[in-house]
Amino acid sequence: LPEVKAEVIQETAPVMIPEPVLVNYDDTVYKVERKTFANTNEHAAVIDSKGNIIFEKDGDANSVMFTDRELETMKGNTLTHNHPGGWKFKNYEPQYAGNSFSPDDIKLATKMNAFEIRATTPKYIFSMKPGKSGWPNREDMLNSIINKYYTEVREEFLKKLSKNIISPQEAEAEHWHEVNIRIAKHYKLLYTRI
C-alpha cells in the first residue's frame, strides 16, 4: 500500500468578537413605560433618539420636579411620564382611563423644545410632538389658547351633562383629552391617544 502522509492541523477556538449593544429607542420607551405606568407616584424619564436613558426621576402623586440641569436634557429628547390618577378608580369607572396632558406638561415640552412628550395611564398612552412648524413659540399665546379650549370644552360638556349624554365621570375623564385635541389642531401638533 502507498504511504499516506497526513498533516496535523492544530485547531484553535474561533475568536469571539462581542456584538455591539444596540439600544433601540422604541424598546427603551416601551420598557420604561411598562415598568412605571402602574406606579402610584409620577415617574419621569428622558430618553434620547438612540434609546439611551438620560435620567429617570420619581415625583409625588401629581408631579415630578426638575432641576435646571434636568430640564436642559429634555431639549430634542423624549420626556415620558406616568399619570397615576386613574389607579384610584375601579377598572370599569371612566376615570380609570386617566387624564391626558396637563397645561404644565404641554408648556414644559414647548419651553424645552422636546422631541416628544408622552404620558401613560392605566388605559392609554398619550403622545404629543411638534408639527412642521414646531412647538408654539409664545407662552402667553399658548396660555390663552389653553384657556380658550378649556372653557369651550367645559361649556360643551356642561350641555351634554344637562342632557344626560355623558356622566360627570365621563366628562372628568375626557376633558383634557378633548382640550388637547383642539390645542394640537390649532398649532398643528401631532397628538395621539393609543
N, C-alpha and C. Protein backbone atom coordinates (compact mmCIF):
# COMPACT_ATOMS: atom_id res chain seq x y z
N LEU A 1 0.83 -1.18 0.00
CA LEU A 1 0.00 0.00 0.00
C LEU A 1 0.87 1.24 0.00
N PRO A 2 0.36 2.27 -0.73
CA PRO A 2 1.14 3.51 -0.73
C PRO A 2 1.05 4.21 0.63
N GLU A 3 2.13 4.86 0.95
CA GLU A 3 2.18 5.57 2.22
C GLU A 3 1.41 6.88 2.10
N VAL A 4 0.56 7.13 3.10
CA VAL A 4 -0.23 8.37 3.12
C VAL A 4 0.35 9.26 4.20
N LYS A 5 0.66 10.47 3.77
CA LYS A 5 1.17 11.43 4.74
C LYS A 5 0.02 12.35 5.13
N ALA A 6 -0.16 12.52 6.38
CA ALA A 6 -1.21 13.40 6.88
C ALA A 6 -0.58 14.54 7.64
N GLU A 7 -1.08 15.72 7.38
CA GLU A 7 -0.59 16.89 8.09
C GLU A 7 -1.58 17.18 9.21
N VAL A 8 -1.08 17.27 10.39
CA VAL A 8 -1.93 17.56 11.53
C VAL A 8 -2.05 19.08 11.68
N ILE A 9 -3.29 19.53 11.65
CA ILE A 9 -3.55 20.96 11.83
C ILE A 9 -4.13 21.14 13.21
N GLN A 10 -3.50 22.01 13.95
CA GLN A 10 -3.97 22.24 15.30
C GLN A 10 -5.18 23.18 15.23
N GLU A 11 -6.28 22.74 15.86
CA GLU A 11 -7.49 23.57 15.87
C GLU A 11 -7.38 24.60 16.96
N THR A 12 -7.81 25.80 16.62
CA THR A 12 -7.87 26.85 17.63
C THR A 12 -9.31 27.30 17.75
N ALA A 13 -9.66 27.73 18.91
CA ALA A 13 -11.02 28.23 19.13
C ALA A 13 -11.20 29.53 18.33
N PRO A 14 -12.36 29.71 17.74
CA PRO A 14 -12.56 30.94 16.99
C PRO A 14 -12.54 32.15 17.93
N VAL A 15 -12.06 33.23 17.42
CA VAL A 15 -12.01 34.45 18.21
C VAL A 15 -13.43 35.03 18.22
N MET A 16 -13.94 35.25 19.40
CA MET A 16 -15.29 35.78 19.54
C MET A 16 -15.21 37.30 19.68
N ILE A 17 -15.81 37.97 18.73
CA ILE A 17 -15.88 39.43 18.80
C ILE A 17 -17.26 39.78 19.35
N PRO A 18 -17.30 40.49 20.46
CA PRO A 18 -18.62 40.79 21.03
C PRO A 18 -19.44 41.66 20.09
N GLU A 19 -20.72 41.35 20.04
CA GLU A 19 -21.65 42.15 19.25
C GLU A 19 -21.82 43.51 19.93
N PRO A 20 -21.90 44.56 19.14
CA PRO A 20 -22.15 45.85 19.79
C PRO A 20 -23.57 45.85 20.38
N VAL A 21 -23.69 46.46 21.51
CA VAL A 21 -25.01 46.54 22.14
C VAL A 21 -25.74 47.70 21.48
N LEU A 22 -26.79 47.36 20.78
CA LEU A 22 -27.57 48.38 20.11
C LEU A 22 -28.79 48.70 20.97
N VAL A 23 -28.94 49.94 21.30
CA VAL A 23 -30.08 50.37 22.08
C VAL A 23 -31.11 50.88 21.09
N ASN A 24 -32.34 50.44 21.25
CA ASN A 24 -33.40 50.83 20.34
C ASN A 24 -34.33 51.79 21.06
N TYR A 25 -34.61 52.94 20.42
CA TYR A 25 -35.45 53.97 21.03
C TYR A 25 -36.81 53.41 21.43
N ASP A 26 -37.51 52.76 20.51
CA ASP A 26 -38.85 52.24 20.81
C ASP A 26 -38.83 51.22 21.94
N ASP A 27 -37.82 50.33 21.94
CA ASP A 27 -37.72 49.33 23.01
C ASP A 27 -37.50 49.99 24.37
N THR A 28 -36.64 51.00 24.39
CA THR A 28 -36.36 51.69 25.66
C THR A 28 -37.59 52.39 26.18
N VAL A 29 -38.29 53.11 25.30
CA VAL A 29 -39.50 53.82 25.72
C VAL A 29 -40.51 52.81 26.25
N TYR A 30 -40.70 51.72 25.53
CA TYR A 30 -41.65 50.68 25.94
C TYR A 30 -41.27 50.13 27.32
N LYS A 31 -40.01 49.79 27.51
CA LYS A 31 -39.57 49.21 28.78
C LYS A 31 -39.77 50.18 29.95
N VAL A 32 -39.40 51.42 29.75
CA VAL A 32 -39.57 52.42 30.81
C VAL A 32 -41.04 52.58 31.14
N GLU A 33 -41.88 52.70 30.11
CA GLU A 33 -43.30 52.92 30.35
C GLU A 33 -43.97 51.70 30.98
N ARG A 34 -43.60 50.51 30.58
CA ARG A 34 -44.17 49.29 31.17
C ARG A 34 -43.77 49.17 32.62
N LYS A 35 -42.54 49.58 32.92
CA LYS A 35 -42.01 49.46 34.28
C LYS A 35 -42.68 50.45 35.24
N THR A 36 -43.11 51.60 34.73
CA THR A 36 -43.53 52.67 35.62
C THR A 36 -44.99 53.08 35.52
N PHE A 37 -45.75 52.59 34.53
CA PHE A 37 -47.09 53.13 34.33
C PHE A 37 -48.01 52.85 35.50
N ALA A 38 -47.77 51.81 36.28
CA ALA A 38 -48.64 51.46 37.40
C ALA A 38 -48.16 52.05 38.73
N ASN A 39 -47.11 52.85 38.70
CA ASN A 39 -46.65 53.50 39.94
C ASN A 39 -47.76 54.39 40.50
N THR A 40 -47.82 54.51 41.80
CA THR A 40 -48.82 55.39 42.41
C THR A 40 -48.34 56.84 42.48
N ASN A 41 -47.06 57.06 42.26
CA ASN A 41 -46.50 58.40 42.13
C ASN A 41 -45.99 58.57 40.70
N GLU A 42 -45.89 59.83 40.29
CA GLU A 42 -45.37 60.07 38.95
C GLU A 42 -43.89 59.70 38.88
N HIS A 43 -43.52 59.22 37.72
CA HIS A 43 -42.14 58.86 37.42
C HIS A 43 -41.85 59.40 36.03
N ALA A 44 -40.74 60.08 35.85
CA ALA A 44 -40.39 60.66 34.56
C ALA A 44 -39.06 60.09 34.09
N ALA A 45 -38.93 60.00 32.76
CA ALA A 45 -37.66 59.59 32.16
C ALA A 45 -37.45 60.41 30.90
N VAL A 46 -36.21 60.79 30.66
CA VAL A 46 -35.83 61.46 29.42
C VAL A 46 -34.98 60.49 28.63
N ILE A 47 -35.37 60.28 27.36
CA ILE A 47 -34.74 59.29 26.50
C ILE A 47 -34.30 59.97 25.22
N ASP A 48 -33.07 59.73 24.80
CA ASP A 48 -32.60 60.35 23.56
C ASP A 48 -33.02 59.54 22.34
N SER A 49 -32.71 60.03 21.15
CA SER A 49 -33.18 59.41 19.92
C SER A 49 -32.58 58.03 19.65
N LYS A 50 -31.48 57.71 20.34
CA LYS A 50 -30.86 56.40 20.18
C LYS A 50 -31.37 55.39 21.19
N GLY A 51 -32.22 55.85 22.10
CA GLY A 51 -32.77 54.95 23.10
C GLY A 51 -32.02 54.93 24.42
N ASN A 52 -31.10 55.85 24.59
CA ASN A 52 -30.38 55.94 25.85
C ASN A 52 -31.21 56.72 26.87
N ILE A 53 -31.29 56.20 28.07
CA ILE A 53 -31.98 56.90 29.14
C ILE A 53 -31.03 57.94 29.71
N ILE A 54 -31.41 59.20 29.58
CA ILE A 54 -30.56 60.28 30.08
C ILE A 54 -30.72 60.40 31.59
N PHE A 55 -31.96 60.36 32.07
CA PHE A 55 -32.19 60.28 33.50
C PHE A 55 -33.62 59.83 33.76
N GLU A 56 -33.84 59.32 34.96
CA GLU A 56 -35.16 58.96 35.46
C GLU A 56 -35.31 59.58 36.84
N LYS A 57 -36.57 59.91 37.17
CA LYS A 57 -36.78 60.57 38.45
C LYS A 57 -38.19 60.31 38.94
N ASP A 58 -38.32 60.09 40.25
CA ASP A 58 -39.62 59.91 40.88
C ASP A 58 -40.13 61.24 41.40
N GLY A 59 -41.46 61.35 41.42
CA GLY A 59 -42.10 62.53 41.98
C GLY A 59 -43.14 62.14 42.99
N ASP A 60 -44.16 62.98 43.13
CA ASP A 60 -45.25 62.66 44.04
C ASP A 60 -46.47 62.21 43.23
N ALA A 61 -47.62 62.21 43.83
CA ALA A 61 -48.83 61.70 43.16
C ALA A 61 -49.24 62.53 41.95
N ASN A 62 -48.81 63.79 41.89
CA ASN A 62 -49.29 64.67 40.82
C ASN A 62 -48.21 65.31 39.95
N SER A 63 -46.96 65.17 40.32
CA SER A 63 -45.93 65.87 39.54
C SER A 63 -44.54 65.32 39.84
N VAL A 64 -43.62 65.74 38.97
CA VAL A 64 -42.20 65.49 39.17
C VAL A 64 -41.52 66.85 39.05
N MET A 65 -40.68 67.18 40.00
CA MET A 65 -39.95 68.45 39.97
C MET A 65 -38.60 68.23 39.31
N PHE A 66 -38.17 69.17 38.46
CA PHE A 66 -36.91 69.04 37.74
C PHE A 66 -35.97 70.18 38.08
N THR A 67 -34.68 69.85 38.12
CA THR A 67 -33.65 70.87 38.28
C THR A 67 -33.42 71.52 36.91
N ASP A 68 -32.74 72.66 36.90
CA ASP A 68 -32.43 73.32 35.63
C ASP A 68 -31.60 72.40 34.73
N ARG A 69 -30.70 71.68 35.33
CA ARG A 69 -29.85 70.77 34.54
C ARG A 69 -30.70 69.66 33.90
N GLU A 70 -31.64 69.11 34.65
CA GLU A 70 -32.53 68.08 34.11
C GLU A 70 -33.41 68.63 33.00
N LEU A 71 -33.88 69.85 33.18
CA LEU A 71 -34.70 70.48 32.14
C LEU A 71 -33.92 70.61 30.84
N GLU A 72 -32.67 70.99 30.93
CA GLU A 72 -31.83 71.15 29.74
C GLU A 72 -31.70 69.85 28.94
N THR A 73 -31.74 68.71 29.63
CA THR A 73 -31.58 67.43 28.92
C THR A 73 -32.80 67.09 28.07
N MET A 74 -33.90 67.78 28.28
CA MET A 74 -35.13 67.49 27.53
C MET A 74 -35.09 68.03 26.11
N LYS A 75 -34.21 68.98 25.84
CA LYS A 75 -34.13 69.59 24.51
C LYS A 75 -33.84 68.54 23.46
N GLY A 76 -34.77 68.38 22.53
CA GLY A 76 -34.59 67.44 21.42
C GLY A 76 -34.79 65.99 21.80
N ASN A 77 -35.17 65.73 23.04
CA ASN A 77 -35.34 64.35 23.51
C ASN A 77 -36.80 64.09 23.91
N THR A 78 -37.07 62.87 24.29
CA THR A 78 -38.41 62.47 24.69
C THR A 78 -38.54 62.46 26.20
N LEU A 79 -39.60 63.09 26.67
CA LEU A 79 -39.95 63.03 28.09
C LEU A 79 -41.17 62.14 28.21
N THR A 80 -41.04 61.05 28.93
CA THR A 80 -42.19 60.19 29.19
C THR A 80 -42.41 60.14 30.69
N HIS A 81 -43.67 60.07 31.07
CA HIS A 81 -44.01 60.01 32.48
C HIS A 81 -45.38 59.36 32.63
N ASN A 82 -45.69 58.95 33.83
CA ASN A 82 -46.99 58.33 34.08
C ASN A 82 -47.91 59.33 34.76
N HIS A 83 -49.20 59.14 34.51
CA HIS A 83 -50.25 59.88 35.22
C HIS A 83 -51.00 58.86 36.07
N PRO A 84 -50.67 58.76 37.35
CA PRO A 84 -51.20 57.68 38.18
C PRO A 84 -52.62 57.87 38.70
N GLY A 85 -53.26 59.00 38.42
CA GLY A 85 -54.57 59.29 38.99
C GLY A 85 -55.63 58.24 38.73
N GLY A 86 -55.58 57.58 37.59
CA GLY A 86 -56.58 56.57 37.25
C GLY A 86 -56.59 55.35 38.15
N TRP A 87 -55.47 55.08 38.78
CA TRP A 87 -55.38 53.89 39.64
C TRP A 87 -56.26 53.99 40.89
N LYS A 88 -56.78 55.18 41.19
CA LYS A 88 -57.66 55.35 42.35
C LYS A 88 -59.07 54.82 42.07
N PHE A 89 -59.35 54.48 40.82
CA PHE A 89 -60.70 54.09 40.42
C PHE A 89 -60.75 52.62 40.02
N LYS A 90 -61.92 52.06 40.03
CA LYS A 90 -62.13 50.69 39.55
C LYS A 90 -62.01 50.68 38.02
N ASN A 91 -61.62 49.54 37.47
CA ASN A 91 -61.36 49.49 36.03
C ASN A 91 -62.59 49.69 35.16
N TYR A 92 -63.77 49.66 35.72
CA TYR A 92 -64.99 49.92 34.95
C TYR A 92 -65.46 51.37 35.07
N GLU A 93 -64.79 52.17 35.91
CA GLU A 93 -65.15 53.57 36.06
C GLU A 93 -64.43 54.40 34.99
N PRO A 94 -65.10 55.40 34.40
CA PRO A 94 -64.47 56.19 33.34
C PRO A 94 -63.14 56.83 33.73
N GLN A 95 -63.02 57.28 34.99
CA GLN A 95 -61.79 57.96 35.41
C GLN A 95 -60.58 57.03 35.48
N TYR A 96 -60.84 55.72 35.48
CA TYR A 96 -59.75 54.74 35.48
C TYR A 96 -58.82 54.97 34.28
N ALA A 97 -59.39 55.44 33.18
CA ALA A 97 -58.61 55.67 31.96
C ALA A 97 -57.47 56.64 32.18
N GLY A 98 -57.62 57.54 33.15
CA GLY A 98 -56.58 58.52 33.42
C GLY A 98 -56.71 59.73 32.51
N ASN A 99 -55.95 60.75 32.81
CA ASN A 99 -56.03 62.01 32.07
C ASN A 99 -54.89 62.21 31.10
N SER A 100 -55.18 62.99 30.10
CA SER A 100 -54.19 63.39 29.11
C SER A 100 -53.26 64.44 29.73
N PHE A 101 -52.52 65.12 28.87
CA PHE A 101 -51.55 66.10 29.33
C PHE A 101 -52.20 67.28 30.03
N SER A 102 -51.55 67.72 31.08
CA SER A 102 -51.97 68.95 31.76
C SER A 102 -51.38 70.13 30.99
N PRO A 103 -51.88 71.33 31.25
CA PRO A 103 -51.25 72.51 30.64
C PRO A 103 -49.75 72.60 30.98
N ASP A 104 -49.38 72.24 32.20
CA ASP A 104 -47.96 72.28 32.57
C ASP A 104 -47.13 71.32 31.73
N ASP A 105 -47.68 70.15 31.42
CA ASP A 105 -46.96 69.20 30.56
C ASP A 105 -46.67 69.82 29.20
N ILE A 106 -47.70 70.41 28.61
CA ILE A 106 -47.55 70.99 27.27
C ILE A 106 -46.59 72.18 27.29
N LYS A 107 -46.71 73.01 28.32
CA LYS A 107 -45.81 74.16 28.43
C LYS A 107 -44.36 73.72 28.61
N LEU A 108 -44.16 72.66 29.37
CA LEU A 108 -42.80 72.14 29.58
C LEU A 108 -42.21 71.63 28.26
N ALA A 109 -42.97 70.82 27.54
CA ALA A 109 -42.49 70.29 26.26
C ALA A 109 -42.18 71.42 25.28
N THR A 110 -43.04 72.44 25.30
CA THR A 110 -42.86 73.60 24.42
C THR A 110 -41.61 74.38 24.80
N LYS A 111 -41.50 74.72 26.07
CA LYS A 111 -40.36 75.52 26.55
C LYS A 111 -39.03 74.82 26.30
N MET A 112 -39.01 73.50 26.53
CA MET A 112 -37.76 72.76 26.41
C MET A 112 -37.53 72.22 25.00
N ASN A 113 -38.48 72.48 24.10
CA ASN A 113 -38.36 72.02 22.71
C ASN A 113 -38.08 70.52 22.65
N ALA A 114 -38.90 69.76 23.37
CA ALA A 114 -38.74 68.30 23.40
C ALA A 114 -39.09 67.70 22.05
N PHE A 115 -38.49 66.57 21.75
CA PHE A 115 -38.85 65.82 20.55
C PHE A 115 -40.27 65.29 20.68
N GLU A 116 -40.60 64.83 21.90
CA GLU A 116 -41.92 64.26 22.16
C GLU A 116 -42.17 64.28 23.66
N ILE A 117 -43.43 64.43 24.03
CA ILE A 117 -43.83 64.22 25.42
C ILE A 117 -44.85 63.10 25.41
N ARG A 118 -44.73 62.21 26.40
CA ARG A 118 -45.61 61.05 26.49
C ARG A 118 -46.12 60.92 27.92
N ALA A 119 -47.32 60.38 28.06
CA ALA A 119 -47.87 60.11 29.39
C ALA A 119 -48.62 58.78 29.33
N THR A 120 -48.38 57.95 30.33
CA THR A 120 -49.08 56.66 30.41
C THR A 120 -50.09 56.72 31.53
N THR A 121 -51.20 56.04 31.31
CA THR A 121 -52.26 55.92 32.32
C THR A 121 -52.65 54.45 32.38
N PRO A 122 -53.56 54.07 33.26
CA PRO A 122 -53.96 52.66 33.28
C PRO A 122 -54.50 52.14 31.95
N LYS A 123 -55.04 53.02 31.13
CA LYS A 123 -55.67 52.58 29.88
C LYS A 123 -54.99 53.07 28.61
N TYR A 124 -54.35 54.22 28.65
CA TYR A 124 -53.84 54.85 27.43
C TYR A 124 -52.38 55.25 27.51
N ILE A 125 -51.83 55.50 26.32
CA ILE A 125 -50.56 56.20 26.18
C ILE A 125 -50.87 57.43 25.34
N PHE A 126 -50.53 58.60 25.87
CA PHE A 126 -50.72 59.85 25.16
C PHE A 126 -49.37 60.31 24.63
N SER A 127 -49.39 60.89 23.44
CA SER A 127 -48.15 61.39 22.84
C SER A 127 -48.44 62.72 22.15
N MET A 128 -47.51 63.65 22.30
CA MET A 128 -47.60 64.91 21.57
C MET A 128 -46.21 65.27 21.08
N LYS A 129 -46.16 65.64 19.80
CA LYS A 129 -44.91 66.06 19.16
C LYS A 129 -45.16 67.36 18.41
N PRO A 130 -44.10 68.11 18.19
CA PRO A 130 -44.28 69.31 17.38
C PRO A 130 -44.56 68.91 15.93
N GLY A 131 -45.32 69.72 15.24
CA GLY A 131 -45.55 69.51 13.81
C GLY A 131 -44.43 70.18 13.02
N LYS A 132 -44.66 70.39 11.74
CA LYS A 132 -43.65 71.01 10.88
C LYS A 132 -43.27 72.40 11.36
N SER A 133 -44.20 73.11 11.96
CA SER A 133 -43.93 74.47 12.45
C SER A 133 -43.30 74.48 13.83
N GLY A 134 -43.15 73.33 14.45
CA GLY A 134 -42.56 73.24 15.78
C GLY A 134 -43.60 73.47 16.86
N TRP A 135 -43.10 73.61 18.07
CA TRP A 135 -43.96 73.91 19.22
C TRP A 135 -44.39 75.36 19.15
N PRO A 136 -45.46 75.72 19.86
CA PRO A 136 -45.82 77.15 19.94
C PRO A 136 -44.64 77.94 20.48
N ASN A 137 -44.43 79.15 19.95
CA ASN A 137 -43.23 79.88 20.36
C ASN A 137 -43.49 81.01 21.35
N ARG A 138 -44.74 81.19 21.75
CA ARG A 138 -45.02 82.23 22.74
C ARG A 138 -45.87 81.64 23.85
N GLU A 139 -45.31 81.64 25.06
CA GLU A 139 -46.02 81.04 26.19
C GLU A 139 -47.31 81.79 26.53
N ASP A 140 -47.29 83.11 26.37
CA ASP A 140 -48.51 83.86 26.67
C ASP A 140 -49.64 83.49 25.72
N MET A 141 -49.32 83.28 24.45
CA MET A 141 -50.34 82.86 23.48
C MET A 141 -50.79 81.43 23.78
N LEU A 142 -49.86 80.57 24.15
CA LEU A 142 -50.21 79.19 24.50
C LEU A 142 -51.18 79.18 25.68
N ASN A 143 -50.89 79.98 26.71
CA ASN A 143 -51.80 80.06 27.86
C ASN A 143 -53.19 80.50 27.43
N SER A 144 -53.25 81.46 26.56
CA SER A 144 -54.52 81.97 26.07
C SER A 144 -55.29 80.89 25.30
N ILE A 145 -54.59 80.15 24.47
CA ILE A 145 -55.23 79.07 23.68
C ILE A 145 -55.69 77.94 24.60
N ILE A 146 -54.88 77.58 25.57
CA ILE A 146 -55.28 76.54 26.52
C ILE A 146 -56.56 76.97 27.25
N ASN A 147 -56.57 78.20 27.74
CA ASN A 147 -57.76 78.70 28.45
C ASN A 147 -58.99 78.74 27.54
N LYS A 148 -58.79 79.15 26.30
CA LYS A 148 -59.90 79.21 25.33
C LYS A 148 -60.53 77.83 25.17
N TYR A 149 -59.69 76.81 24.92
CA TYR A 149 -60.24 75.47 24.67
C TYR A 149 -60.72 74.80 25.96
N TYR A 150 -60.10 75.11 27.07
CA TYR A 150 -60.57 74.60 28.35
C TYR A 150 -62.02 75.06 28.57
N THR A 151 -62.25 76.33 28.37
CA THR A 151 -63.59 76.91 28.57
C THR A 151 -64.58 76.35 27.55
N GLU A 152 -64.14 76.26 26.31
CA GLU A 152 -65.00 75.74 25.24
C GLU A 152 -65.45 74.31 25.54
N VAL A 153 -64.51 73.46 25.91
CA VAL A 153 -64.83 72.05 26.20
C VAL A 153 -65.70 71.97 27.45
N ARG A 154 -65.39 72.76 28.45
CA ARG A 154 -66.18 72.75 29.68
C ARG A 154 -67.65 73.09 29.37
N GLU A 155 -67.87 74.13 28.57
CA GLU A 155 -69.24 74.53 28.22
C GLU A 155 -69.95 73.43 27.42
N GLU A 156 -69.25 72.82 26.49
CA GLU A 156 -69.84 71.71 25.70
C GLU A 156 -70.20 70.53 26.61
N PHE A 157 -69.29 70.20 27.52
CA PHE A 157 -69.56 69.08 28.42
C PHE A 157 -70.70 69.39 29.39
N LEU A 158 -70.80 70.65 29.84
CA LEU A 158 -71.92 71.03 30.71
C LEU A 158 -73.25 70.85 29.99
N LYS A 159 -73.30 71.20 28.71
CA LYS A 159 -74.53 71.00 27.92
C LYS A 159 -74.84 69.50 27.80
N LYS A 160 -73.83 68.70 27.52
CA LYS A 160 -74.03 67.25 27.42
C LYS A 160 -74.47 66.66 28.75
N LEU A 161 -73.91 67.18 29.84
CA LEU A 161 -74.31 66.72 31.17
C LEU A 161 -75.77 67.05 31.44
N SER A 162 -76.19 68.24 31.07
CA SER A 162 -77.58 68.65 31.33
C SER A 162 -78.57 67.82 30.52
N LYS A 163 -78.11 67.25 29.41
CA LYS A 163 -78.98 66.41 28.57
C LYS A 163 -78.75 64.92 28.83
N ASN A 164 -77.96 64.61 29.85
CA ASN A 164 -77.63 63.21 30.20
C ASN A 164 -76.99 62.45 29.05
N ILE A 165 -76.23 63.15 28.22
CA ILE A 165 -75.50 62.50 27.13
C ILE A 165 -74.22 61.86 27.66
N ILE A 166 -73.61 62.52 28.64
CA ILE A 166 -72.43 61.96 29.31
C ILE A 166 -72.62 62.10 30.82
N SER A 167 -71.88 61.31 31.55
CA SER A 167 -71.93 61.39 33.01
C SER A 167 -70.84 62.35 33.49
N PRO A 168 -70.93 62.81 34.73
CA PRO A 168 -69.85 63.65 35.27
C PRO A 168 -68.50 62.93 35.24
N GLN A 169 -68.52 61.63 35.46
CA GLN A 169 -67.27 60.85 35.45
C GLN A 169 -66.67 60.79 34.04
N GLU A 170 -67.52 60.64 33.04
CA GLU A 170 -67.01 60.64 31.65
C GLU A 170 -66.45 62.01 31.29
N ALA A 171 -67.14 63.06 31.71
CA ALA A 171 -66.66 64.41 31.43
C ALA A 171 -65.29 64.63 32.07
N GLU A 172 -65.15 64.19 33.31
CA GLU A 172 -63.86 64.33 34.01
C GLU A 172 -62.76 63.57 33.29
N ALA A 173 -63.08 62.37 32.85
CA ALA A 173 -62.08 61.51 32.21
C ALA A 173 -61.66 62.02 30.83
N GLU A 174 -62.57 62.64 30.11
CA GLU A 174 -62.31 63.03 28.72
C GLU A 174 -61.92 64.50 28.54
N HIS A 175 -62.09 65.31 29.56
CA HIS A 175 -61.93 66.76 29.42
C HIS A 175 -60.58 67.15 28.81
N TRP A 176 -59.48 66.76 29.45
CA TRP A 176 -58.16 67.20 28.97
C TRP A 176 -57.82 66.58 27.62
N HIS A 177 -58.30 65.39 27.35
CA HIS A 177 -58.07 64.80 26.03
C HIS A 177 -58.71 65.67 24.95
N GLU A 178 -59.94 66.07 25.19
CA GLU A 178 -60.64 66.90 24.20
C GLU A 178 -59.98 68.27 24.06
N VAL A 179 -59.54 68.85 25.16
CA VAL A 179 -58.82 70.13 25.10
C VAL A 179 -57.55 69.97 24.28
N ASN A 180 -56.81 68.88 24.51
CA ASN A 180 -55.54 68.68 23.81
C ASN A 180 -55.73 68.39 22.33
N ILE A 181 -56.82 67.75 21.96
CA ILE A 181 -57.13 67.58 20.53
C ILE A 181 -57.21 68.94 19.86
N ARG A 182 -57.88 69.87 20.51
CA ARG A 182 -58.08 71.21 19.94
C ARG A 182 -56.79 72.03 19.94
N ILE A 183 -56.02 71.92 21.01
CA ILE A 183 -54.72 72.62 21.04
C ILE A 183 -53.84 72.11 19.91
N ALA A 184 -53.79 70.79 19.76
CA ALA A 184 -52.97 70.19 18.71
C ALA A 184 -53.43 70.65 17.33
N LYS A 185 -54.72 70.67 17.12
CA LYS A 185 -55.25 71.12 15.82
C LYS A 185 -54.89 72.59 15.59
N HIS A 186 -55.04 73.41 16.60
CA HIS A 186 -54.74 74.84 16.49
C HIS A 186 -53.28 75.08 16.09
N TYR A 187 -52.37 74.37 16.74
CA TYR A 187 -50.93 74.57 16.50
C TYR A 187 -50.33 73.55 15.51
N LYS A 188 -51.16 72.69 14.96
CA LYS A 188 -50.69 71.64 14.04
C LYS A 188 -49.64 70.73 14.70
N LEU A 189 -49.93 70.37 15.97
CA LEU A 189 -49.07 69.44 16.70
C LEU A 189 -49.55 68.02 16.40
N LEU A 190 -48.71 67.04 16.64
CA LEU A 190 -49.04 65.64 16.41
C LEU A 190 -49.44 65.03 17.74
N TYR A 191 -50.73 64.80 17.91
CA TYR A 191 -51.26 64.31 19.19
C TYR A 191 -51.99 63.00 18.98
N THR A 192 -51.66 62.01 19.82
CA THR A 192 -52.33 60.72 19.72
C THR A 192 -52.65 60.19 21.11
N ARG A 193 -53.67 59.34 21.13
CA ARG A 193 -54.02 58.58 22.32
C ARG A 193 -54.19 57.16 21.85
N ILE A 194 -53.36 56.26 22.36
CA ILE A 194 -53.45 54.85 21.96
C ILE A 194 -53.63 53.97 23.18
